[in-house]
PDB file of all heavy atoms in Angstrom:
ATOM      1  N   LEU A   1      87.565 123.021 109.770  1.00  0.00           N
ATOM      2  CA  LEU A   1      86.887 121.855 109.597  1.00  0.00           C
ATOM      3  C   LEU A   1      86.304 121.364 110.828  1.00  0.00           C
ATOM      4  O   LEU A   1      86.816 121.511 111.895  1.00  0.00           O
ATOM      5  CB  LEU A   1      88.012 120.881 109.146  1.00  0.00           C
ATOM      6  CG  LEU A   1      88.734 121.009 107.831  1.00  0.00           C
ATOM      7  CD1 LEU A   1      89.778 120.118 107.423  1.00  0.00           C
ATOM      8  CD2 LEU A   1      87.663 120.992 106.547  1.00  0.00           C
ATOM      9  N   VAL A   2      85.069 120.791 110.790  1.00  0.00           N
ATOM     10  CA  VAL A   2      84.276 120.466 111.909  1.00  0.00           C
ATOM     11  C   VAL A   2      85.002 119.380 112.809  1.00  0.00           C
ATOM     12  O   VAL A   2      85.114 119.568 113.989  1.00  0.00           O
ATOM     13  CB  VAL A   2      82.854 120.130 111.575  1.00  0.00           C
ATOM     14  CG1 VAL A   2      82.096 119.622 112.810  1.00  0.00           C
ATOM     15  CG2 VAL A   2      82.203 121.099 110.843  1.00  0.00           C
ATOM     16  N   GLU A   3      85.540 118.341 112.198  1.00  0.00           N
ATOM     17  CA  GLU A   3      86.164 117.320 112.863  1.00  0.00           C
ATOM     18  C   GLU A   3      87.567 117.287 112.361  1.00  0.00           C
ATOM     19  O   GLU A   3      87.883 117.483 111.139  1.00  0.00           O
ATOM     20  CB  GLU A   3      85.480 115.969 112.449  1.00  0.00           C
ATOM     21  CG  GLU A   3      83.939 115.840 112.961  1.00  0.00           C
ATOM     22  CD  GLU A   3      83.355 114.570 112.467  1.00  0.00           C
ATOM     23  OE1 GLU A   3      84.124 113.608 112.215  1.00  0.00           O
ATOM     24  OE2 GLU A   3      82.112 114.493 112.478  1.00  0.00           O
ATOM     25  N   PRO A   4      88.384 116.951 113.268  1.00  0.00           N
ATOM     26  CA  PRO A   4      89.801 116.914 112.920  1.00  0.00           C
ATOM     27  C   PRO A   4      89.951 115.680 111.941  1.00  0.00           C
ATOM     28  O   PRO A   4      89.250 114.689 112.103  1.00  0.00           O
ATOM     29  CB  PRO A   4      90.634 116.781 114.173  1.00  0.00           C
ATOM     30  CG  PRO A   4      89.630 116.253 115.153  1.00  0.00           C
ATOM     31  CD  PRO A   4      88.210 116.726 114.704  1.00  0.00           C
ATOM     32  N   MET A   5      91.001 115.731 111.080  1.00  0.00           N
ATOM     33  CA  MET A   5      91.101 114.630 110.113  1.00  0.00           C
ATOM     34  C   MET A   5      91.781 113.576 110.790  1.00  0.00           C
ATOM     35  O   MET A   5      92.697 113.716 111.666  1.00  0.00           O
ATOM     36  CB  MET A   5      91.924 115.134 108.899  1.00  0.00           C
ATOM     37  CG  MET A   5      91.271 116.074 107.990  1.00  0.00           C
ATOM     38  SD  MET A   5      92.173 116.658 106.601  1.00  0.00           S
ATOM     39  CE  MET A   5      93.497 115.513 106.328  1.00  0.00           C
ATOM     40  N   GLY A   6      91.381 112.250 110.702  1.00  0.00           N
ATOM     41  CA  GLY A   6      91.985 111.139 111.187  1.00  0.00           C
ATOM     42  C   GLY A   6      93.112 110.599 110.453  1.00  0.00           C
ATOM     43  O   GLY A   6      93.428 111.217 109.319  1.00  0.00           O
ATOM     44  N   LYS A   7      93.559 109.498 110.825  1.00  0.00           N
ATOM     45  CA  LYS A   7      94.668 108.771 110.097  1.00  0.00           C
ATOM     46  C   LYS A   7      94.139 108.225 108.816  1.00  0.00           C
ATOM     47  O   LYS A   7      93.058 107.647 108.831  1.00  0.00           O
ATOM     48  CB  LYS A   7      95.189 107.751 111.050  1.00  0.00           C
ATOM     49  CG  LYS A   7      96.397 106.974 110.458  1.00  0.00           C
ATOM     50  CD  LYS A   7      96.982 106.015 111.391  1.00  0.00           C
ATOM     51  CE  LYS A   7      98.129 105.193 110.723  1.00  0.00           C
ATOM     52  NZ  LYS A   7      98.548 104.034 111.626  1.00  0.00           N
ATOM     53  N   PRO A   8      94.875 108.288 107.790  1.00  0.00           N
ATOM     54  CA  PRO A   8      94.286 107.814 106.486  1.00  0.00           C
ATOM     55  C   PRO A   8      94.102 106.249 106.495  1.00  0.00           C
ATOM     56  O   PRO A   8      94.874 105.630 107.210  1.00  0.00           O
ATOM     57  CB  PRO A   8      95.391 108.146 105.353  1.00  0.00           C
ATOM     58  CG  PRO A   8      96.268 109.135 106.069  1.00  0.00           C
ATOM     59  CD  PRO A   8      96.092 109.061 107.554  1.00  0.00           C
ATOM     60  N   SER A   9      93.259 105.648 105.782  1.00  0.00           N
ATOM     61  CA  SER A   9      93.109 104.323 105.742  1.00  0.00           C
ATOM     62  C   SER A   9      94.321 103.599 105.168  1.00  0.00           C
ATOM     63  O   SER A   9      95.163 104.047 104.514  1.00  0.00           O
ATOM     64  CB  SER A   9      91.865 103.966 104.901  1.00  0.00           C
ATOM     65  OG  SER A   9      92.192 104.168 103.496  1.00  0.00           O
ATOM     66  N   GLN A  10      94.389 102.281 105.436  1.00  0.00           N
ATOM     67  CA  GLN A  10      95.499 101.518 105.018  1.00  0.00           C
ATOM     68  C   GLN A  10      95.550 101.514 103.433  1.00  0.00           C
ATOM     69  O   GLN A  10      96.684 101.664 102.879  1.00  0.00           O
ATOM     70  CB  GLN A  10      95.508 100.063 105.439  1.00  0.00           C
ATOM     71  CG  GLN A  10      96.641  99.110 105.122  1.00  0.00           C
ATOM     72  CD  GLN A  10      97.891  99.499 105.822  1.00  0.00           C
ATOM     73  OE1 GLN A  10      97.926 100.100 106.888  1.00  0.00           O
ATOM     74  NE2 GLN A  10      99.084  99.010 105.483  1.00  0.00           N
ATOM     75  N   SER A  11      94.431 101.405 102.811  1.00  0.00           N
ATOM     76  CA  SER A  11      94.482 101.347 101.388  1.00  0.00           C
ATOM     77  C   SER A  11      94.937 102.676 100.768  1.00  0.00           C
ATOM     78  O   SER A  11      95.781 102.748  99.765  1.00  0.00           O
ATOM     79  CB  SER A  11      93.027 101.145 100.929  1.00  0.00           C
ATOM     80  OG  SER A  11      92.837 101.343  99.532  1.00  0.00           O
ATOM     81  N   LEU A  12      94.597 103.904 101.386  1.00  0.00           N
ATOM     82  CA  LEU A  12      94.905 105.192 100.914  1.00  0.00           C
ATOM     83  C   LEU A  12      96.559 105.287 101.138  1.00  0.00           C
ATOM     84  O   LEU A  12      97.260 105.832 100.300  1.00  0.00           O
ATOM     85  CB  LEU A  12      94.254 106.274 101.587  1.00  0.00           C
ATOM     86  CG  LEU A  12      94.701 107.685 101.230  1.00  0.00           C
ATOM     87  CD1 LEU A  12      94.505 107.976  99.746  1.00  0.00           C
ATOM     88  CD2 LEU A  12      93.891 108.665 102.037  1.00  0.00           C
ATOM     89  N   GLN A  13      97.030 104.854 102.239  1.00  0.00           N
ATOM     90  CA  GLN A  13      98.400 104.974 102.551  1.00  0.00           C
ATOM     91  C   GLN A  13      99.216 104.179 101.451  1.00  0.00           C
ATOM     92  O   GLN A  13     100.235 104.659 100.959  1.00  0.00           O
ATOM     93  CB  GLN A  13      98.815 104.409 103.898  1.00  0.00           C
ATOM     94  CG  GLN A  13      98.285 105.213 105.102  1.00  0.00           C
ATOM     95  CD  GLN A  13      98.530 104.615 106.414  1.00  0.00           C
ATOM     96  OE1 GLN A  13      99.512 103.935 106.664  1.00  0.00           O
ATOM     97  NE2 GLN A  13      97.570 104.797 107.325  1.00  0.00           N
ATOM     98  N   GLU A  14      98.732 102.906 101.244  1.00  0.00           N
ATOM     99  CA  GLU A  14      99.498 102.128 100.165  1.00  0.00           C
ATOM    100  C   GLU A  14      99.400 102.768  98.881  1.00  0.00           C
ATOM    101  O   GLU A  14     100.405 102.754  98.167  1.00  0.00           O
ATOM    102  CB  GLU A  14      98.928 100.738 100.253  1.00  0.00           C
ATOM    103  CG  GLU A  14      99.650  99.768  99.378  1.00  0.00           C
ATOM    104  CD  GLU A  14     101.051  99.448  99.998  1.00  0.00           C
ATOM    105  OE1 GLU A  14     101.134  99.299 101.253  1.00  0.00           O
ATOM    106  OE2 GLU A  14     101.968  99.221  99.193  1.00  0.00           O
ATOM    107  N   THR A  15      98.208 103.321  98.439  1.00  0.00           N
ATOM    108  CA  THR A  15      98.204 103.906  97.222  1.00  0.00           C
ATOM    109  C   THR A  15      99.139 105.160  97.000  1.00  0.00           C
ATOM    110  O   THR A  15      99.718 105.310  96.038  1.00  0.00           O
ATOM    111  CB  THR A  15      96.707 104.421  97.025  1.00  0.00           C
ATOM    112  OG1 THR A  15      95.912 103.280  96.978  1.00  0.00           O
ATOM    113  CG2 THR A  15      96.489 105.137  95.629  1.00  0.00           C
ATOM    114  N   LEU A  16      99.132 105.933  98.027  1.00  0.00           N
ATOM    115  CA  LEU A  16     100.035 107.123  98.043  1.00  0.00           C
ATOM    116  C   LEU A  16     101.494 106.634  98.030  1.00  0.00           C
ATOM    117  O   LEU A  16     102.352 107.374  97.291  1.00  0.00           O
ATOM    118  CB  LEU A  16      99.738 108.027  99.240  1.00  0.00           C
ATOM    119  CG  LEU A  16      98.391 108.728  99.281  1.00  0.00           C
ATOM    120  CD1 LEU A  16      98.174 109.566 100.526  1.00  0.00           C
ATOM    121  CD2 LEU A  16      98.291 109.659  97.995  1.00  0.00           C
ATOM    122  N   LEU A  17     101.916 105.764  98.665  1.00  0.00           N
ATOM    123  CA  LEU A  17     103.188 105.243  98.786  1.00  0.00           C
ATOM    124  C   LEU A  17     103.563 104.577  97.370  1.00  0.00           C
ATOM    125  O   LEU A  17     104.735 104.890  96.823  1.00  0.00           O
ATOM    126  CB  LEU A  17     103.467 104.234  99.799  1.00  0.00           C
ATOM    127  CG  LEU A  17     103.512 104.807 101.229  1.00  0.00           C
ATOM    128  CD1 LEU A  17     103.554 103.673 102.237  1.00  0.00           C
ATOM    129  CD2 LEU A  17     104.561 105.818 101.494  1.00  0.00           C
ATOM    130  N   ASN A  18     102.556 103.950  96.693  1.00  0.00           N
ATOM    131  CA  ASN A  18     102.865 103.507  95.320  1.00  0.00           C
ATOM    132  C   ASN A  18     103.103 104.678  94.378  1.00  0.00           C
ATOM    133  O   ASN A  18     103.909 104.582  93.468  1.00  0.00           O
ATOM    134  CB  ASN A  18     101.739 102.641  94.828  1.00  0.00           C
ATOM    135  CG  ASN A  18     101.725 101.119  95.456  1.00  0.00           C
ATOM    136  OD1 ASN A  18     102.805 100.787  96.028  1.00  0.00           O
ATOM    137  ND2 ASN A  18     100.666 100.633  95.626  1.00  0.00           N
ATOM    138  N   LEU A  19     102.274 105.656  94.468  1.00  0.00           N
ATOM    139  CA  LEU A  19     102.288 106.847  93.710  1.00  0.00           C
ATOM    140  C   LEU A  19     103.735 107.544  93.790  1.00  0.00           C
ATOM    141  O   LEU A  19     104.329 107.833  92.872  1.00  0.00           O
ATOM    142  CB  LEU A  19     101.278 107.925  93.979  1.00  0.00           C
ATOM    143  CG  LEU A  19     101.391 109.211  93.340  1.00  0.00           C
ATOM    144  CD1 LEU A  19     100.715 109.114  92.029  1.00  0.00           C
ATOM    145  CD2 LEU A  19     100.946 110.286  94.194  1.00  0.00           C
ATOM    146  N   ILE A  20     104.135 107.699  95.013  1.00  0.00           N
ATOM    147  CA  ILE A  20     105.439 108.268  95.246  1.00  0.00           C
ATOM    148  C   ILE A  20     106.633 107.416  94.746  1.00  0.00           C
ATOM    149  O   ILE A  20     107.496 108.001  94.217  1.00  0.00           O
ATOM    150  CB  ILE A  20     105.711 108.390  96.874  1.00  0.00           C
ATOM    151  CG1 ILE A  20     104.695 109.554  97.419  1.00  0.00           C
ATOM    152  CG2 ILE A  20     107.183 108.808  97.138  1.00  0.00           C
ATOM    153  CD1 ILE A  20     104.662 109.723  98.909  1.00  0.00           C
ATOM    154  N   TYR A  21     106.416 106.179  94.864  1.00  0.00           N
ATOM    155  CA  TYR A  21     107.462 105.165  94.257  1.00  0.00           C
ATOM    156  C   TYR A  21     107.655 105.324  92.848  1.00  0.00           C
ATOM    157  O   TYR A  21     108.747 105.344  92.399  1.00  0.00           O
ATOM    158  CB  TYR A  21     107.038 103.738  94.799  1.00  0.00           C
ATOM    159  CG  TYR A  21     108.165 102.672  94.216  1.00  0.00           C
ATOM    160  CD1 TYR A  21     109.249 102.405  95.015  1.00  0.00           C
ATOM    161  CD2 TYR A  21     107.928 102.091  93.083  1.00  0.00           C
ATOM    162  CE1 TYR A  21     110.113 101.404  94.684  1.00  0.00           C
ATOM    163  CE2 TYR A  21     108.835 101.047  92.686  1.00  0.00           C
ATOM    164  CZ  TYR A  21     109.954 100.687  93.371  1.00  0.00           C
ATOM    165  OH  TYR A  21     110.737  99.844  93.084  1.00  0.00           O
ATOM    166  N   VAL A  22     106.490 105.413  92.186  1.00  0.00           N
ATOM    167  CA  VAL A  22     106.593 105.567  90.763  1.00  0.00           C
ATOM    168  C   VAL A  22     106.955 106.942  90.234  1.00  0.00           C
ATOM    169  O   VAL A  22     107.791 107.040  89.280  1.00  0.00           O
ATOM    170  CB  VAL A  22     105.144 105.234  90.132  1.00  0.00           C
ATOM    171  CG1 VAL A  22     105.064 105.503  88.629  1.00  0.00           C
ATOM    172  CG2 VAL A  22     104.878 103.751  90.403  1.00  0.00           C
ATOM    173  N   GLN A  23     106.445 107.959  90.969  1.00  0.00           N
ATOM    174  CA  GLN A  23     106.830 109.371  90.583  1.00  0.00           C
ATOM    175  C   GLN A  23     108.117 109.838  91.025  1.00  0.00           C
ATOM    176  O   GLN A  23     108.680 110.848  90.534  1.00  0.00           O
ATOM    177  CB  GLN A  23     105.719 110.311  91.026  1.00  0.00           C
ATOM    178  CG  GLN A  23     104.359 110.042  90.363  1.00  0.00           C
ATOM    179  CD  GLN A  23     104.415 110.281  88.960  1.00  0.00           C
ATOM    180  OE1 GLN A  23     105.061 111.119  88.356  1.00  0.00           O
ATOM    181  NE2 GLN A  23     103.607 109.344  88.173  1.00  0.00           N
ATOM    182  N   ARG A  24     108.824 109.161  91.968  1.00  0.00           N
ATOM    183  CA  ARG A  24     110.029 109.609  92.604  1.00  0.00           C
ATOM    184  C   ARG A  24     111.142 110.093  91.660  1.00  0.00           C
ATOM    185  O   ARG A  24     111.768 111.028  91.760  1.00  0.00           O
ATOM    186  CB  ARG A  24     110.577 108.553  93.542  1.00  0.00           C
ATOM    187  CG  ARG A  24     111.699 108.951  94.315  1.00  0.00           C
ATOM    188  CD  ARG A  24     112.050 107.904  95.328  1.00  0.00           C
ATOM    189  NE  ARG A  24     113.165 108.443  96.161  1.00  0.00           N
ATOM    190  CZ  ARG A  24     113.058 108.488  97.396  1.00  0.00           C
ATOM    191  NH1 ARG A  24     111.936 108.173  98.067  1.00  0.00           N
ATOM    192  NH2 ARG A  24     114.067 108.955  98.166  1.00  0.00           N
ATOM    193  N   PRO A  25     111.395 109.216  90.618  1.00  0.00           N
ATOM    194  CA  PRO A  25     112.423 109.744  89.614  1.00  0.00           C
ATOM    195  C   PRO A  25     112.312 111.075  88.910  1.00  0.00           C
ATOM    196  O   PRO A  25     113.113 111.730  88.452  1.00  0.00           O
ATOM    197  CB  PRO A  25     112.587 108.654  88.692  1.00  0.00           C
ATOM    198  CG  PRO A  25     111.877 107.507  89.305  1.00  0.00           C
ATOM    199  CD  PRO A  25     110.866 107.951  90.252  1.00  0.00           C
ATOM    200  N   TYR A  26     110.992 111.376  88.898  1.00  0.00           N
ATOM    201  CA  TYR A  26     110.584 112.539  87.972  1.00  0.00           C
ATOM    202  C   TYR A  26     110.242 113.817  88.843  1.00  0.00           C
ATOM    203  O   TYR A  26     110.231 114.973  88.302  1.00  0.00           O
ATOM    204  CB  TYR A  26     109.345 112.197  87.181  1.00  0.00           C
ATOM    205  CG  TYR A  26     109.426 110.933  86.467  1.00  0.00           C
ATOM    206  CD1 TYR A  26     108.890 109.837  86.867  1.00  0.00           C
ATOM    207  CD2 TYR A  26     110.418 110.813  85.314  1.00  0.00           C
ATOM    208  CE1 TYR A  26     109.050 108.610  86.221  1.00  0.00           C
ATOM    209  CE2 TYR A  26     110.669 109.653  84.695  1.00  0.00           C
ATOM    210  CZ  TYR A  26     109.901 108.575  85.048  1.00  0.00           C
ATOM    211  OH  TYR A  26     110.058 107.270  84.526  1.00  0.00           O
ATOM    212  N   TRP A  27     110.011 113.655  90.113  1.00  0.00           N
ATOM    213  CA  TRP A  27     109.677 114.898  90.992  1.00  0.00           C
ATOM    214  C   TRP A  27     110.755 115.031  92.065  1.00  0.00           C
ATOM    215  O   TRP A  27     110.947 114.264  92.872  1.00  0.00           O
ATOM    216  CB  TRP A  27     108.328 114.567  91.694  1.00  0.00           C
ATOM    217  CG  TRP A  27     107.106 114.699  90.847  1.00  0.00           C
ATOM    218  CD1 TRP A  27     106.895 113.759  89.802  1.00  0.00           C
ATOM    219  CD2 TRP A  27     106.166 115.770  90.736  1.00  0.00           C
ATOM    220  NE1 TRP A  27     105.691 114.148  89.198  1.00  0.00           N
ATOM    221  CE2 TRP A  27     105.266 115.377  89.652  1.00  0.00           C
ATOM    222  CE3 TRP A  27     106.024 116.939  91.389  1.00  0.00           C
ATOM    223  CZ2 TRP A  27     104.186 116.192  89.383  1.00  0.00           C
ATOM    224  CZ3 TRP A  27     104.995 117.692  91.034  1.00  0.00           C
ATOM    225  CH2 TRP A  27     104.081 117.325  90.035  1.00  0.00           C
ATOM    226  N   GLN A  28     111.347 116.150  92.058  1.00  0.00           N
ATOM    227  CA  GLN A  28     112.527 116.504  92.910  1.00  0.00           C
ATOM    228  C   GLN A  28     112.003 116.418  94.365  1.00  0.00           C
ATOM    229  O   GLN A  28     112.675 116.009  95.251  1.00  0.00           O
ATOM    230  CB  GLN A  28     113.020 117.823  92.672  1.00  0.00           C
ATOM    231  CG  GLN A  28     114.359 118.099  93.362  1.00  0.00           C
ATOM    232  CD  GLN A  28     115.056 119.376  92.887  1.00  0.00           C
ATOM    233  OE1 GLN A  28     114.466 120.129  92.218  1.00  0.00           O
ATOM    234  NE2 GLN A  28     116.284 119.603  93.341  1.00  0.00           N
ATOM    235  N   CYS A  29     110.764 116.850  94.577  1.00  0.00           N
ATOM    236  CA  CYS A  29     110.331 116.882  95.960  1.00  0.00           C
ATOM    237  C   CYS A  29     110.241 115.466  96.574  1.00  0.00           C
ATOM    238  O   CYS A  29     110.542 115.283  97.878  1.00  0.00           O
ATOM    239  CB  CYS A  29     108.958 117.538  96.242  1.00  0.00           C
ATOM    240  SG  CYS A  29     107.664 116.692  95.252  1.00  0.00           S
ATOM    241  N   PHE A  30     110.006 114.444  95.851  1.00  0.00           N
ATOM    242  CA  PHE A  30     109.908 113.129  96.448  1.00  0.00           C
ATOM    243  C   PHE A  30     111.419 112.582  96.552  1.00  0.00           C
ATOM    244  O   PHE A  30     111.584 111.625  97.297  1.00  0.00           O
ATOM    245  CB  PHE A  30     109.240 112.103  95.418  1.00  0.00           C
ATOM    246  CG  PHE A  30     107.770 112.413  95.349  1.00  0.00           C
ATOM    247  CD1 PHE A  30     107.036 112.207  94.203  1.00  0.00           C
ATOM    248  CD2 PHE A  30     107.076 112.857  96.540  1.00  0.00           C
ATOM    249  CE1 PHE A  30     105.686 112.445  94.080  1.00  0.00           C
ATOM    250  CE2 PHE A  30     105.664 113.096  96.345  1.00  0.00           C
ATOM    251  CZ  PHE A  30     105.133 113.007  95.152  1.00  0.00           C
ATOM    252  N   GLN A  31     112.363 113.100  95.951  1.00  0.00           N
ATOM    253  CA  GLN A  31     113.716 112.552  96.082  1.00  0.00           C
ATOM    254  C   GLN A  31     114.347 113.042  97.444  1.00  0.00           C
ATOM    255  O   GLN A  31     115.323 112.403  97.807  1.00  0.00           O
ATOM    256  CB  GLN A  31     114.604 113.056  94.963  1.00  0.00           C
ATOM    257  CG  GLN A  31     114.056 112.494  93.593  1.00  0.00           C
ATOM    258  CD  GLN A  31     114.810 113.086  92.375  1.00  0.00           C
ATOM    259  OE1 GLN A  31     115.656 113.979  92.451  1.00  0.00           O
ATOM    260  NE2 GLN A  31     114.332 112.812  91.199  1.00  0.00           N
ATOM    261  N   HIS A  32     113.848 114.088  97.947  1.00  0.00           N
ATOM    262  CA  HIS A  32     114.376 114.586  99.197  1.00  0.00           C
ATOM    263  C   HIS A  32     113.737 113.804 100.504  1.00  0.00           C
ATOM    264  O   HIS A  32     114.140 114.118 101.598  1.00  0.00           O
ATOM    265  CB  HIS A  32     114.153 116.030  99.442  1.00  0.00           C
ATOM    266  CG  HIS A  32     114.945 116.845  98.403  1.00  0.00           C
ATOM    267  ND1 HIS A  32     116.226 116.854  98.398  1.00  0.00           N
ATOM    268  CD2 HIS A  32     114.512 117.555  97.282  1.00  0.00           C
ATOM    269  CE1 HIS A  32     116.735 117.628  97.351  1.00  0.00           C
ATOM    270  NE2 HIS A  32     115.602 118.006  96.645  1.00  0.00           N
ATOM    271  N   GLN A  33     112.683 113.098 100.317  1.00  0.00           N
ATOM    272  CA  GLN A  33     112.024 112.570 101.529  1.00  0.00           C
ATOM    273  C   GLN A  33     112.418 110.991 101.548  1.00  0.00           C
ATOM    274  O   GLN A  33     112.780 110.531 100.542  1.00  0.00           O
ATOM    275  CB  GLN A  33     110.546 112.639 101.487  1.00  0.00           C
ATOM    276  CG  GLN A  33     109.727 111.799 100.482  1.00  0.00           C
ATOM    277  CD  GLN A  33     108.397 112.119 100.521  1.00  0.00           C
ATOM    278  OE1 GLN A  33     107.971 113.231 100.203  1.00  0.00           O
ATOM    279  NE2 GLN A  33     107.677 111.150 100.848  1.00  0.00           N
ATOM    280  N   GLY A  34     112.368 110.461 102.606  1.00  0.00           N
ATOM    281  CA  GLY A  34     112.642 109.033 102.828  1.00  0.00           C
ATOM    282  C   GLY A  34     111.624 108.159 102.018  1.00  0.00           C
ATOM    283  O   GLY A  34     110.678 108.689 101.610  1.00  0.00           O
ATOM    284  N   THR A  35     111.872 106.926 102.190  1.00  0.00           N
ATOM    285  CA  THR A  35     110.907 105.884 101.628  1.00  0.00           C
ATOM    286  C   THR A  35     110.373 105.129 102.806  1.00  0.00           C
ATOM    287  O   THR A  35     111.002 104.978 103.819  1.00  0.00           O
ATOM    288  CB  THR A  35     111.562 105.108 100.542  1.00  0.00           C
ATOM    289  OG1 THR A  35     112.769 104.396 100.985  1.00  0.00           O
ATOM    290  CG2 THR A  35     111.828 105.796  99.335  1.00  0.00           C
ATOM    291  N   TYR A  36     109.161 104.495 102.640  1.00  0.00           N
ATOM    292  CA  TYR A  36     108.478 103.876 103.642  1.00  0.00           C
ATOM    293  C   TYR A  36     107.802 102.610 103.193  1.00  0.00           C
ATOM    294  O   TYR A  36     107.806 102.393 102.045  1.00  0.00           O
ATOM    295  CB  TYR A  36     107.433 104.748 104.291  1.00  0.00           C
ATOM    296  CG  TYR A  36     107.617 106.193 104.279  1.00  0.00           C
ATOM    297  CD1 TYR A  36     107.022 107.034 103.255  1.00  0.00           C
ATOM    298  CD2 TYR A  36     108.542 106.838 105.021  1.00  0.00           C
ATOM    299  CE1 TYR A  36     107.375 108.417 103.139  1.00  0.00           C
ATOM    300  CE2 TYR A  36     108.845 108.106 104.947  1.00  0.00           C
ATOM    301  CZ  TYR A  36     108.221 108.908 104.010  1.00  0.00           C
ATOM    302  OH  TYR A  36     108.526 110.249 103.754  1.00  0.00           O
TER     303      TYR A  36
END
């Protein structure tokens, strides 16, 4: 990749955390990580 990836935007971070929160009961990989 030409440029290193920067930190995700606040909106993207919140969206991903919401996704993890909702999917956590159904995906074992999310059950092993902390919550934020």
